[in-house]
PDB file of N, CA and C in Angstrom:
ATOM      1  N   MET A   1       1.111  -1.287  -0.541  1.00  0.00           N
ATOM      2  CA  MET A   1       0.252   0.200  -0.046  1.00  0.00           C
ATOM      3  C   MET A   1       0.796   1.320   0.005  1.00  0.00           C
ATOM      4  N   ILE A   2       0.886   2.148  -0.717  1.00  0.00           N
ATOM      5  CA  ILE A   2       1.465   3.314  -1.423  1.00  0.00           C
ATOM      6  C   ILE A   2       0.940   4.209  -0.129  1.00  0.00           C
ATOM      7  N   ILE A   3      -0.286   4.539  -0.072  1.00  0.00           N
ATOM      8  CA  ILE A   3      -1.272   5.816   0.817  1.00  0.00           C
ATOM      9  C   ILE A   3      -1.571   4.946   2.652  1.00  0.00           C
ATOM     10  N   LYS A   4      -1.040   5.566   3.284  1.00  0.00           N
ATOM     11  CA  LYS A   4      -0.555   4.864   4.338  1.00  0.00           C
ATOM     12  C   LYS A   4      -1.832   5.485   5.240  1.00  0.00           C
ATOM     13  N   LEU A   5      -2.912   4.720   6.075  1.00  0.00           N
ATOM     14  CA  LEU A   5      -3.928   4.831   7.024  1.00  0.00           C
ATOM     15  C   LEU A   5      -3.792   5.529   8.102  1.00  0.00           C
ATOM     16  N   PRO A   6      -4.622   6.432   8.584  1.00  0.00           N
ATOM     17  CA  PRO A   6      -5.856   6.620   8.151  1.00  0.00           C
ATOM     18  C   PRO A   6      -5.673   7.836   7.117  1.00  0.00           C
ATOM     19  N   VAL A   7      -6.700   7.732   6.582  1.00  0.00           N
ATOM     20  CA  VAL A   7      -7.076   8.521   5.246  1.00  0.00           C
ATOM     21  C   VAL A   7      -8.138   9.589   5.850  1.00  0.00           C
ATOM     22  N   LYS A   8      -7.767  11.273   5.635  1.00  0.00           N
ATOM     23  CA  LYS A   8      -8.666  12.247   6.334  1.00  0.00           C
ATOM     24  C   LYS A   8      -9.896  12.608   4.974  1.00  0.00           C
ATOM     25  N   PHE A   9     -10.622  12.780   4.824  1.00  0.00           N
ATOM     26  CA  PHE A   9     -10.918  13.223   3.354  1.00  0.00           C
ATOM     27  C   PHE A   9     -11.082  14.496   3.406  1.00  0.00           C
ATOM     28  N   ASP A  10     -11.814  15.476   2.192  1.00  0.00           N
ATOM     29  CA  ASP A  10     -11.482  17.009   2.353  1.00  0.00           C
ATOM     30  C   ASP A  10     -13.060  17.118   2.668  1.00  0.00           C
ATOM     31  N   LYS A  11     -13.871  15.933   2.711  1.00  0.00           N
ATOM     32  CA  LYS A  11     -15.581  16.193   3.110  1.00  0.00           C
ATOM     33  C   LYS A  11     -15.832  15.088   3.854  1.00  0.00           C
ATOM     34  N   GLN A  12     -16.976  14.824   4.602  1.00  0.00           N
ATOM     35  CA  GLN A  12     -17.883  13.535   4.740  1.00  0.00           C
ATOM     36  C   GLN A  12     -18.270  12.738   3.547  1.00  0.00           C
ATOM     37  N   ILE A  13     -18.280  11.863   3.523  1.00  0.00           N
ATOM     38  CA  ILE A  13     -18.907  11.018   2.152  1.00  0.00           C
ATOM     39  C   ILE A  13     -19.464   9.957   2.696  1.00  0.00           C
ATOM     40  N   THR A  14     -20.623   9.427   1.748  1.00  0.00           N
ATOM     41  CA  THR A  14     -21.137   8.096   1.925  1.00  0.00           C
ATOM     42  C   THR A  14     -20.333   6.917   1.474  1.00  0.00           C
ATOM     43  N   ILE A  15     -19.941   6.088   2.512  1.00  0.00           N
ATOM     44  CA  ILE A  15     -18.955   4.951   1.856  1.00  0.00           C
ATOM     45  C   ILE A  15     -19.875   3.758   2.306  1.00  0.00           C
ATOM     46  N   ILE A  16     -20.001   3.221   1.107  1.00  0.00           N
ATOM     47  CA  ILE A  16     -21.067   1.935   0.939  1.00  0.00           C
ATOM     48  C   ILE A  16     -20.043   0.449   1.055  1.00  0.00           C
ATOM     49  N   TYR A  17     -20.479  -0.466   1.558  1.00  0.00           N
ATOM     50  CA  TYR A  17     -19.170  -1.681   2.339  1.00  0.00           C
ATOM     51  C   TYR A  17     -19.945  -2.638   1.757  1.00  0.00           C
ATOM     52  N   ILE A  18     -19.202  -3.690   0.942  1.00  0.00           N
ATOM     53  CA  ILE A  18     -19.813  -5.052   0.507  1.00  0.00           C
ATOM     54  C   ILE A  18     -20.793  -5.714   1.167  1.00  0.00           C
ATOM     55  N   ASP A  19     -21.180  -5.627   1.822  1.00  0.00           N
ATOM     56  CA  ASP A  19     -21.886  -6.421   2.966  1.00  0.00           C
ATOM     57  C   ASP A  19     -23.057  -5.523   2.676  1.00  0.00           C
ATOM     58  N   GLY A  20     -23.234  -4.517   1.805  1.00  0.00           N
ATOM     59  CA  GLY A  20     -24.754  -3.504   1.628  1.00  0.00           C
ATOM     60  C   GLY A  20     -25.013  -2.439   2.783  1.00  0.00           C
ATOM     61  N   THR A  21     -24.058  -2.382   3.743  1.00  0.00           N
ATOM     62  CA  THR A  21     -24.250  -1.149   4.426  1.00  0.00           C
ATOM     63  C   THR A  21     -23.572  -0.030   4.455  1.00  0.00           C
ATOM     64  N   VAL A  22     -24.207   1.147   4.540  1.00  0.00           N
ATOM     65  CA  VAL A  22     -23.764   2.080   4.327  1.00  0.00           C
ATOM     66  C   VAL A  22     -23.414   3.133   5.741  1.00  0.00           C
ATOM     67  N   GLU A  23     -22.229   3.906   5.855  1.00  0.00           N
ATOM     68  CA  GLU A  23     -22.418   4.603   6.992  1.00  0.00           C
ATOM     69  C   GLU A  23     -21.828   6.283   6.136  1.00  0.00           C
ATOM     70  N   GLU A  24     -21.718   7.403   7.076  1.00  0.00           N
ATOM     71  CA  GLU A  24     -21.327   8.518   6.086  1.00  0.00           C
ATOM     72  C   GLU A  24     -19.920   8.427   7.225  1.00  0.00           C
ATOM     73  N   ALA A  25     -18.765   9.538   6.816  1.00  0.00           N
ATOM     74  CA  ALA A  25     -17.648   9.339   7.358  1.00  0.00           C
ATOM     75  C   ALA A  25     -16.714  10.441   6.575  1.00  0.00           C
ATOM     76  N   ASN A  26     -16.068  11.436   7.256  1.00  0.00           N
ATOM     77  CA  ASN A  26     -14.351  11.940   7.088  1.00  0.00           C
ATOM     78  C   ASN A  26     -13.707  11.136   7.009  1.00  0.00           C
ATOM     79  N   ILE A  27     -13.651   9.977   7.089  1.00  0.00           N
ATOM     80  CA  ILE A  27     -12.151   9.181   7.214  1.00  0.00           C
ATOM     81  C   ILE A  27     -12.013   7.885   7.129  1.00  0.00           C
ATOM     82  N   PHE A  28     -11.099   7.310   6.745  1.00  0.00           N
ATOM     83  CA  PHE A  28     -11.114   5.615   6.445  1.00  0.00           C
ATOM     84  C   PHE A  28     -10.002   5.007   6.788  1.00  0.00           C
ATOM     85  N   PRO A  29     -10.136   4.430   7.503  1.00  0.00           N
ATOM     86  CA  PRO A  29     -11.295   2.972   8.100  1.00  0.00           C
ATOM     87  C   PRO A  29     -11.777   4.039   9.479  1.00  0.00           C
ATOM     88  N   SER A  30     -13.409   3.730   8.879  1.00  0.00           N
ATOM     89  CA  SER A  30     -14.118   4.485   9.901  1.00  0.00           C
ATOM     90  C   SER A  30     -14.568   3.235  10.965  1.00  0.00           C
ATOM     91  N   ASN A  31     -15.774   3.587  11.230  1.00  0.00           N
ATOM     92  CA  ASN A  31     -16.394   2.423  11.868  1.00  0.00           C
ATOM     93  C   ASN A  31     -16.396   0.962  11.769  1.00  0.00           C
ATOM     94  N   LYS A  32     -16.792   0.686  10.330  1.00  0.00           N
ATOM     95  CA  LYS A  32     -16.351  -0.880  10.053  1.00  0.00           C
ATOM     96  C   LYS A  32     -15.193  -1.223   9.422  1.00  0.00           C
ATOM     97  N   GLY A  33     -14.122  -0.517   9.747  1.00  0.00           N
ATOM     98  CA  GLY A  33     -12.684  -0.723   9.982  1.00  0.00           C
ATOM     99  C   GLY A  33     -12.132  -1.047   8.367  1.00  0.00           C
ATOM    100  N   LEU A  34     -11.675  -1.845   7.992  1.00  0.00           N
ATOM    101  CA  LEU A  34     -10.820  -2.436   6.725  1.00  0.00           C
ATOM    102  C   LEU A  34     -11.839  -3.276   5.765  1.00  0.00           C
ATOM    103  N   GLN A  35     -12.818  -3.094   5.292  1.00  0.00           N
ATOM    104  CA  GLN A  35     -13.799  -3.660   4.554  1.00  0.00           C
ATOM    105  C   GLN A  35     -14.057  -3.174   3.056  1.00  0.00           C
ATOM    106  N   LYS A  36     -14.051  -4.248   2.074  1.00  0.00           N
ATOM    107  CA  LYS A  36     -13.733  -3.594   1.147  1.00  0.00           C
ATOM    108  C   LYS A  36     -15.006  -2.871   0.992  1.00  0.00           C
ATOM    109  N   CYS A  37     -14.968  -1.852   0.126  1.00  0.00           N
ATOM    110  CA  CYS A  37     -16.011  -0.423   0.317  1.00  0.00           C
ATOM    111  C   CYS A  37     -15.931   0.713  -1.611  1.00  0.00           C
ATOM    112  N   GLU A  38     -16.884   0.893  -1.642  1.00  0.00           N
ATOM    113  CA  GLU A  38     -16.895   2.112  -2.612  1.00  0.00           C
ATOM    114  C   GLU A  38     -17.383   2.841  -2.081  1.00  0.00           C
ATOM    115  N   PHE A  39     -16.791   4.535  -2.374  1.00  0.00           N
ATOM    116  CA  PHE A  39     -17.234   5.550  -2.421  1.00  0.00           C
ATOM    117  C   PHE A  39     -18.222   6.176  -3.025  1.00  0.00           C
ATOM    118  N   LYS A  40     -19.363   6.855  -2.589  1.00  0.00           N
ATOM    119  CA  LYS A  40     -20.427   7.657  -3.452  1.00  0.00           C
ATOM    120  C   LYS A  40     -20.176   8.233  -4.284  1.00  0.00           C
ATOM    121  N   GLU A  41     -18.804   8.679  -4.188  1.00  0.00           N
ATOM    122  CA  GLU A  41     -18.014   9.986  -4.980  1.00  0.00           C
ATOM    123  C   GLU A  41     -16.390   9.983  -4.816  1.00  0.00           C
ATOM    124  N   LYS A  42     -16.378  10.298  -6.093  1.00  0.00           N
ATOM    125  CA  LYS A  42     -14.952  10.398  -5.933  1.00  0.00           C
ATOM    126  C   LYS A  42     -14.464  11.384  -4.615  1.00  0.00           C
ATOM    127  N   ILE A  43     -13.560  11.287  -3.794  1.00  0.00           N
ATOM    128  CA  ILE A  43     -13.074  11.785  -3.045  1.00  0.00           C
ATOM    129  C   ILE A  43     -11.196  12.295  -2.913  1.00  0.00           C
ATOM    130  N   ASN A  44     -10.887  13.358  -2.472  1.00  0.00           N
ATOM    131  CA  ASN A  44      -9.416  13.407  -2.535  1.00  0.00           C
ATOM    132  C   ASN A  44      -9.669  13.901  -0.520  1.00  0.00           C
ATOM    133  N   GLY A  45      -8.173  13.851  -0.218  1.00  0.00           N
ATOM    134  CA  GLY A  45      -8.210  14.226   0.923  1.00  0.00           C
ATOM    135  C   GLY A  45      -6.551  13.753   1.414  1.00  0.00           C
ATOM    136  N   TYR A  46      -6.106  13.609   2.714  1.00  0.00           N
ATOM    137  CA  TYR A  46      -4.311  13.510   3.076  1.00  0.00           C
ATOM    138  C   TYR A  46      -4.205  12.389   3.459  1.00  0.00           C
ATOM    139  N   ASP A  47      -3.472  11.381   3.932  1.00  0.00           N
ATOM    140  CA  ASP A  47      -2.789  10.097   4.279  1.00  0.00           C
ATOM    141  C   ASP A  47      -2.549  10.473   5.367  1.00  0.00           C
ATOM    142  N   ALA A  48      -2.191   9.341   6.404  1.00  0.00           N
ATOM    143  CA  ALA A  48      -1.301   9.420   7.604  1.00  0.00           C
ATOM    144  C   ALA A  48      -0.074  10.665   7.721  1.00  0.00           C
ATOM    145  N   ARG A  49       0.707  10.204   6.830  1.00  0.00           N
ATOM    146  CA  ARG A  49       1.578  11.296   6.096  1.00  0.00           C
ATOM    147  C   ARG A  49       1.657  12.697   6.178  1.00  0.00           C
ATOM    148  N   THR A  50       0.114  13.343   6.186  1.00  0.00           N
ATOM    149  CA  THR A  50       0.003  14.201   5.036  1.00  0.00           C
ATOM    150  C   THR A  50       0.286  14.679   3.916  1.00  0.00           C
ATOM    151  N   TYR A  51       0.421  13.363   3.099  1.00  0.00           N
ATOM    152  CA  TYR A  51       0.278  13.386   1.616  1.00  0.00           C
ATOM    153  C   TYR A  51      -0.684  13.356   1.242  1.00  0.00           C
ATOM    154  N   ARG A  52      -1.191  14.126   0.354  1.00  0.00           N
ATOM    155  CA  ARG A  52      -2.311  15.087  -0.963  1.00  0.00           C
ATOM    156  C   ARG A  52      -2.661  13.024  -1.421  1.00  0.00           C
ATOM    157  N   VAL A  53      -3.680  12.954  -1.359  1.00  0.00           N
ATOM    158  CA  VAL A  53      -3.842  12.256  -1.863  1.00  0.00           C
ATOM    159  C   VAL A  53      -5.556  12.282  -2.844  1.00  0.00           C
ATOM    160  N   THR A  54      -5.624  11.940  -3.788  1.00  0.00           N
ATOM    161  CA  THR A  54      -6.716  12.039  -5.278  1.00  0.00           C
ATOM    162  C   THR A  54      -7.514  11.430  -5.496  1.00  0.00           C
ATOM    163  N   ASN A  55      -8.651  11.521  -6.116  1.00  0.00           N
ATOM    164  CA  ASN A  55      -9.346  10.611  -7.098  1.00  0.00           C
ATOM    165  C   ASN A  55      -9.685   9.285  -6.110  1.00  0.00           C
ATOM    166  N   LEU A  56     -10.096   9.313  -5.243  1.00  0.00           N
ATOM    167  CA  LEU A  56     -10.060   8.036  -4.378  1.00  0.00           C
ATOM    168  C   LEU A  56     -11.617   7.614  -4.831  1.00  0.00           C
ATOM    169  N   VAL A  57     -12.010   6.568  -5.112  1.00  0.00           N
ATOM    170  CA  VAL A  57     -13.152   5.912  -5.350  1.00  0.00           C
ATOM    171  C   VAL A  57     -13.822   4.771  -4.004  1.00  0.00           C
ATOM    172  N   GLY A  58     -13.111   3.943  -3.553  1.00  0.00           N
ATOM    173  CA  GLY A  58     -12.912   2.740  -2.866  1.00  0.00           C
ATOM    174  C   GLY A  58     -12.059   2.254  -2.021  1.00  0.00           C
ATOM    175  N   TYR A  59     -12.066   1.013  -1.728  1.00  0.00           N
ATOM    176  CA  TYR A  59     -11.357   0.305  -0.911  1.00  0.00           C
ATOM    177  C   TYR A  59     -11.312  -0.997  -1.230  1.00  0.00           C
ATOM    178  N   ASN A  60     -10.498  -2.139  -1.899  1.00  0.00           N
ATOM    179  CA  ASN A  60     -11.007  -3.734  -2.219  1.00  0.00           C
ATOM    180  C   ASN A  60     -10.316  -4.680  -0.775  1.00  0.00           C
ATOM    181  N   GLY A  61      -9.887  -4.389   0.440  1.00  0.00           N
ATOM    182  CA  GLY A  61      -9.461  -4.730   0.880  1.00  0.00           C
ATOM    183  C   GLY A  61      -7.886  -4.959   0.879  1.00  0.00           C
ATOM    184  N   ASP A  62      -7.218  -4.632   0.287  1.00  0.00           N
ATOM    185  CA  ASP A  62      -5.850  -4.599   0.299  1.00  0.00           C
ATOM    186  C   ASP A  62      -5.486  -2.623   0.028  1.00  0.00           C
ATOM    187  N   GLU A  63      -5.855  -1.914  -0.872  1.00  0.00           N
ATOM    188  CA  GLU A  63      -5.477  -0.826  -1.260  1.00  0.00           C
ATOM    189  C   GLU A  63      -6.227  -0.096  -1.718  1.00  0.00           C
ATOM    190  N   PHE A  64      -6.300   1.224  -1.723  1.00  0.00           N
ATOM    191  CA  PHE A  64      -7.249   2.331  -2.763  1.00  0.00           C
ATOM    192  C   PHE A  64      -7.193   1.869  -3.986  1.00  0.00           C
ATOM    193  N   ILE A  65      -8.338   2.489  -4.370  1.00  0.00           N
ATOM    194  CA  ILE A  65      -8.699   1.805  -5.558  1.00  0.00           C
ATOM    195  C   ILE A  65      -9.191   3.769  -6.036  1.00  0.00           C
ATOM    196  N   LYS A  66      -8.431   3.926  -7.285  1.00  0.00           N
ATOM    197  CA  LYS A  66      -8.617   5.633  -7.939  1.00  0.00           C
ATOM    198  C   LYS A  66      -9.357   5.461  -9.134  1.00  0.00           C
ATOM    199  N   LEU A  67      -9.651   6.555  -9.413  1.00  0.00           N
ATOM    200  CA  LEU A  67     -10.190   6.548 -11.128  1.00  0.00           C
ATOM    201  C   LEU A  67      -9.457   7.924 -11.440  1.00  0.00           C
ATOM    202  N   CYS A  68      -8.913   7.210 -12.733  1.00  0.00           N
ATOM    203  CA  CYS A  68      -7.775   8.154 -13.950  1.00  0.00           C
ATOM    204  C   CYS A  68      -9.059   8.913 -14.095  1.00  0.00           C
ATOM    205  N   PRO A  69      -8.527  10.464 -14.548  1.00  0.00           N
ATOM    206  CA  PRO A  69      -9.978  11.000 -15.004  1.00  0.00           C
ATOM    207  C   PRO A  69      -9.767  11.225 -16.812  1.00  0.00           C
ATOM    208  N   LYS A  70      -8.088  10.808 -17.139  1.00  0.00           N
ATOM    209  CA  LYS A  70      -8.387  10.752 -18.720  1.00  0.00           C
ATOM    210  C   LYS A  70      -8.659   9.019 -19.146  1.00  0.00           C
ATOM    211  N   CYS A  71      -8.575   7.880 -18.656  1.00  0.00           N
ATOM    212  CA  CYS A  71      -9.182   7.196 -19.339  1.00  0.00           C
ATOM    213  C   CYS A  71     -10.430   6.284 -18.192  1.00  0.00           C
ATOM    214  N   GLY A  72     -10.918   7.357 -17.621  1.00  0.00           N
ATOM    215  CA  GLY A  72     -11.866   6.525 -16.830  1.00  0.00           C
ATOM    216  C   GLY A  72     -11.983   5.442 -16.217  1.00  0.00           C
ATOM    217  N   GLU A  73     -10.719   4.747 -16.056  1.00  0.00           N
ATOM    218  CA  GLU A  73     -10.785   3.573 -15.233  1.00  0.00           C
ATOM    219  C   GLU A  73     -10.302   3.373 -13.667  1.00  0.00           C
ATOM    220  N   LYS A  74     -11.076   2.649 -13.535  1.00  0.00           N
ATOM    221  CA  LYS A  74     -10.781   2.325 -11.863  1.00  0.00           C
ATOM    222  C   LYS A  74      -9.946   1.292 -11.223  1.00  0.00           C
ATOM    223  N   LEU A  75      -8.825   2.207 -10.660  1.00  0.00           N
ATOM    224  CA  LEU A  75      -7.200   0.763 -10.574  1.00  0.00           C
ATOM    225  C   LEU A  75      -7.372   1.365  -9.589  1.00  0.00           C
ATOM    226  N   SER A  76      -6.375   0.238  -8.719  1.00  0.00           N
ATOM    227  CA  SER A  76      -5.599   0.040  -7.903  1.00  0.00           C
ATOM    228  C   SER A  76      -4.036   1.300  -7.865  1.00  0.00           C
ATOM    229  N   GLU A  77      -4.252   1.676  -6.088  1.00  0.00           N
ATOM    230  CA  GLU A  77      -3.316   2.304  -6.083  1.00  0.00           C
ATOM    231  C   GLU A  77      -1.878   2.436  -6.281  1.00  0.00           C
ATOM    232  N   THR A  78      -1.517   1.694  -6.931  1.00  0.00           N
ATOM    233  CA  THR A  78      -0.092   1.415  -6.709  1.00  0.00           C
ATOM    234  C   THR A  78       0.261   1.654  -8.309  1.00  0.00           C
ATOM    235  N   ARG A  79      -1.148   1.671  -9.605  1.00  0.00           N
ATOM    236  CA  ARG A  79      -1.069   2.023 -10.548  1.00  0.00           C
ATOM    237  C   ARG A  79      -1.014   3.513 -11.287  1.00  0.00           C
ATOM    238  N   PHE A  80      -0.708   4.251 -10.004  1.00  0.00           N
ATOM    239  CA  PHE A  80      -0.648   5.650  -9.978  1.00  0.00           C
ATOM    240  C   PHE A  80       0.401   5.465  -9.482  1.00  0.00           C
ATOM    241  N   GLY A  81       1.495   7.145  -9.546  1.00  0.00           N
ATOM    242  CA  GLY A  81       2.507   7.639  -9.110  1.00  0.00           C
ATOM    243  C   GLY A  81       2.850   8.294  -8.545  1.00  0.00           C
ATOM    244  N   TYR A  82       3.751   8.972  -7.941  1.00  0.00           N
ATOM    245  CA  TYR A  82       3.961  10.283  -7.018  1.00  0.00           C
ATOM    246  C   TYR A  82       4.402  11.345  -7.667  1.00  0.00           C
ATOM    247  N   SER A  83       3.909  12.225  -7.315  1.00  0.00           N
ATOM    248  CA  SER A  83       4.664  13.577  -8.299  1.00  0.00           C
ATOM    249  C   SER A  83       6.003  14.069  -8.107  1.00  0.00           C
ATOM    250  N   GLY A  84       6.570  13.991  -8.519  1.00  0.00           N
ATOM    251  CA  GLY A  84       7.997  14.825  -8.744  1.00  0.00           C
ATOM    252  C   GLY A  84       7.945  16.274  -7.864  1.00  0.00           C
ATOM    253  N   ARG A  85       7.354  16.998  -7.820  1.00  0.00           N
ATOM    254  CA  ARG A  85       6.918  18.398  -7.296  1.00  0.00           C
ATOM    255  C   ARG A  85       7.478  18.209  -5.891  1.00  0.00           C
ATOM    256  N   ASN A  86       7.538  19.022  -5.447  1.00  0.00           N
ATOM    257  CA  ASN A  86       8.376  19.169  -4.188  1.00  0.00           C
ATOM    258  C   ASN A  86       7.884  20.613  -3.652  1.00  0.00           C
ATOM    259  N   SER A  87       7.029  20.827  -3.478  1.00  0.00           N
ATOM    260  CA  SER A  87       5.912  21.999  -3.584  1.00  0.00           C
ATOM    261  C   SER A  87       5.327  22.122  -2.137  1.00  0.00           C
ATOM    262  N   GLY A  88       5.217  21.856  -1.157  1.00  0.00           N
ATOM    263  CA  GLY A  88       4.652  21.556  -0.066  1.00  0.00           C
ATOM    264  C   GLY A  88       4.059  20.082   0.301  1.00  0.00           C
ATOM    265  N   GLY A  89       5.444  19.168   0.146  1.00  0.00           N
ATOM    266  CA  GLY A  89       4.951  17.584   0.025  1.00  0.00           C
ATOM    267  C   GLY A  89       4.791  16.705  -0.999  1.00  0.00           C
ATOM    268  N   ARG A  90       4.942  15.390  -0.742  1.00  0.00           N
ATOM    269  CA  ARG A  90       4.691  14.524  -1.773  1.00  0.00           C
ATOM    270  C   ARG A  90       3.070  14.738  -1.919  1.00  0.00           C
ATOM    271  N   ARG A  91       2.970  14.405  -3.466  1.00  0.00           N
ATOM    272  CA  ARG A  91       1.096  14.198  -3.865  1.00  0.00           C
ATOM    273  C   ARG A  91       1.073  13.079  -4.764  1.00  0.00           C
ATOM    274  N   ASP A  92       0.209  12.492  -4.741  1.00  0.00           N
ATOM    275  CA  ASP A  92      -0.087  11.464  -5.726  1.00  0.00           C
ATOM    276  C   ASP A  92      -0.502  12.426  -7.292  1.00  0.00           C
ATOM    277  N   GLN A  93       0.209  11.184  -8.370  1.00  0.00           N
ATOM    278  CA  GLN A  93      -0.204  11.392  -9.729  1.00  0.00           C
ATOM    279  C   GLN A  93      -1.868  11.550  -9.825  1.00  0.00           C
ATOM    280  N   SER A  94      -2.963  12.319 -10.400  1.00  0.00           N
ATOM    281  CA  SER A  94      -4.131  11.901 -10.612  1.00  0.00           C
ATOM    282  C   SER A  94      -4.673  11.167 -11.997  1.00  0.00           C
ATOM    283  N   GLN A  95      -3.331  11.257 -12.815  1.00  0.00           N
ATOM    284  CA  GLN A  95      -3.924   9.734 -13.964  1.00  0.00           C
ATOM    285  C   GLN A  95      -2.911   8.556 -13.568  1.00  0.00           C
ATOM    286  N   CYS A  96      -3.044   7.535 -14.219  1.00  0.00           N
ATOM    287  CA  CYS A  96      -2.565   6.665 -14.039  1.00  0.00           C
ATOM    288  C   CYS A  96      -1.281   6.504 -15.431  1.00  0.00           C
ATOM    289  N   ASN A  97      -0.531   5.546 -14.620  1.00  0.00           N
ATOM    290  CA  ASN A  97       0.614   5.755 -15.019  1.00  0.00           C
ATOM    291  C   ASN A  97       0.582   4.887 -16.607  1.00  0.00           C
ATOM    292  N   THR A  98      -0.112   4.611 -17.089  1.00  0.00           N
ATOM    293  CA  THR A  98      -0.524   4.541 -18.808  1.00  0.00           C
ATOM    294  C   THR A  98      -0.680   5.088 -19.297  1.00  0.00           C
ATOM    295  N   CYS A  99      -1.496   6.473 -18.431  1.00  0.00           N
ATOM    296  CA  CYS A  99      -2.090   7.783 -19.009  1.00  0.00           C
ATOM    297  C   CYS A  99      -1.109   8.801 -19.383  1.00  0.00           C
ATOM    298  N   ARG A 100      -0.483   8.444 -18.175  1.00  0.00           N
ATOM    299  CA  ARG A 100       1.000   9.142 -18.228  1.00  0.00           C
ATOM    300  C   ARG A 100       1.989   9.531 -19.110  1.00  0.00           C
ATOM    301  N   SER A 101       1.943   7.852 -19.384  1.00  0.00           N
ATOM    302  CA  SER A 101       3.222   7.812 -20.296  1.00  0.00           C
ATOM    303  C   SER A 101       2.423   7.980 -21.580  1.00  0.00           C
ATOM    304  N   ARG A 102       1.475   8.114 -21.985  1.00  0.00           N
ATOM    305  CA  ARG A 102       1.154   8.777 -23.494  1.00  0.00           C
ATOM    306  C   ARG A 102       1.264  10.381 -23.595  1.00  0.00           C
ATOM    307  N   TYR A 103       1.636  11.446 -22.339  1.00  0.00           N
ATOM    308  CA  TYR A 103       1.310  12.426 -22.232  1.00  0.00           C
ATOM    309  C   TYR A 103       2.720  12.927 -23.744  1.00  0.00           C
ATOM    310  N   ASN A 104       2.449  14.344 -23.950  1.00  0.00           N
ATOM    311  CA  ASN A 104       3.029  14.629 -25.143  1.00  0.00           C
ATOM    312  C   ASN A 104       2.899  16.172 -25.020  1.00  0.00           C
TER     313      ASN A 104
END
């Protein structure tokens, strides 16, 4: 896992768990712990190291799932990298590695 738990979201969101239960939270893991889930909407926030994380849409039981805004694919967080910028700390890339490699 690249993103370090817990993750504090920019706002409160709806978390929909695989067992069908739903909860509102502004942090993950929340009351139900590390269970597979989807977030009702794409969300950004900060991980335990205060690194910026973007485009989170769920958790697969092992790592976060992110939405690439370019290709629209929902992929594991390891399919994204970190920005090389050093402006106030590390930040994850919003586009997946495949889309970033096509950038011209």
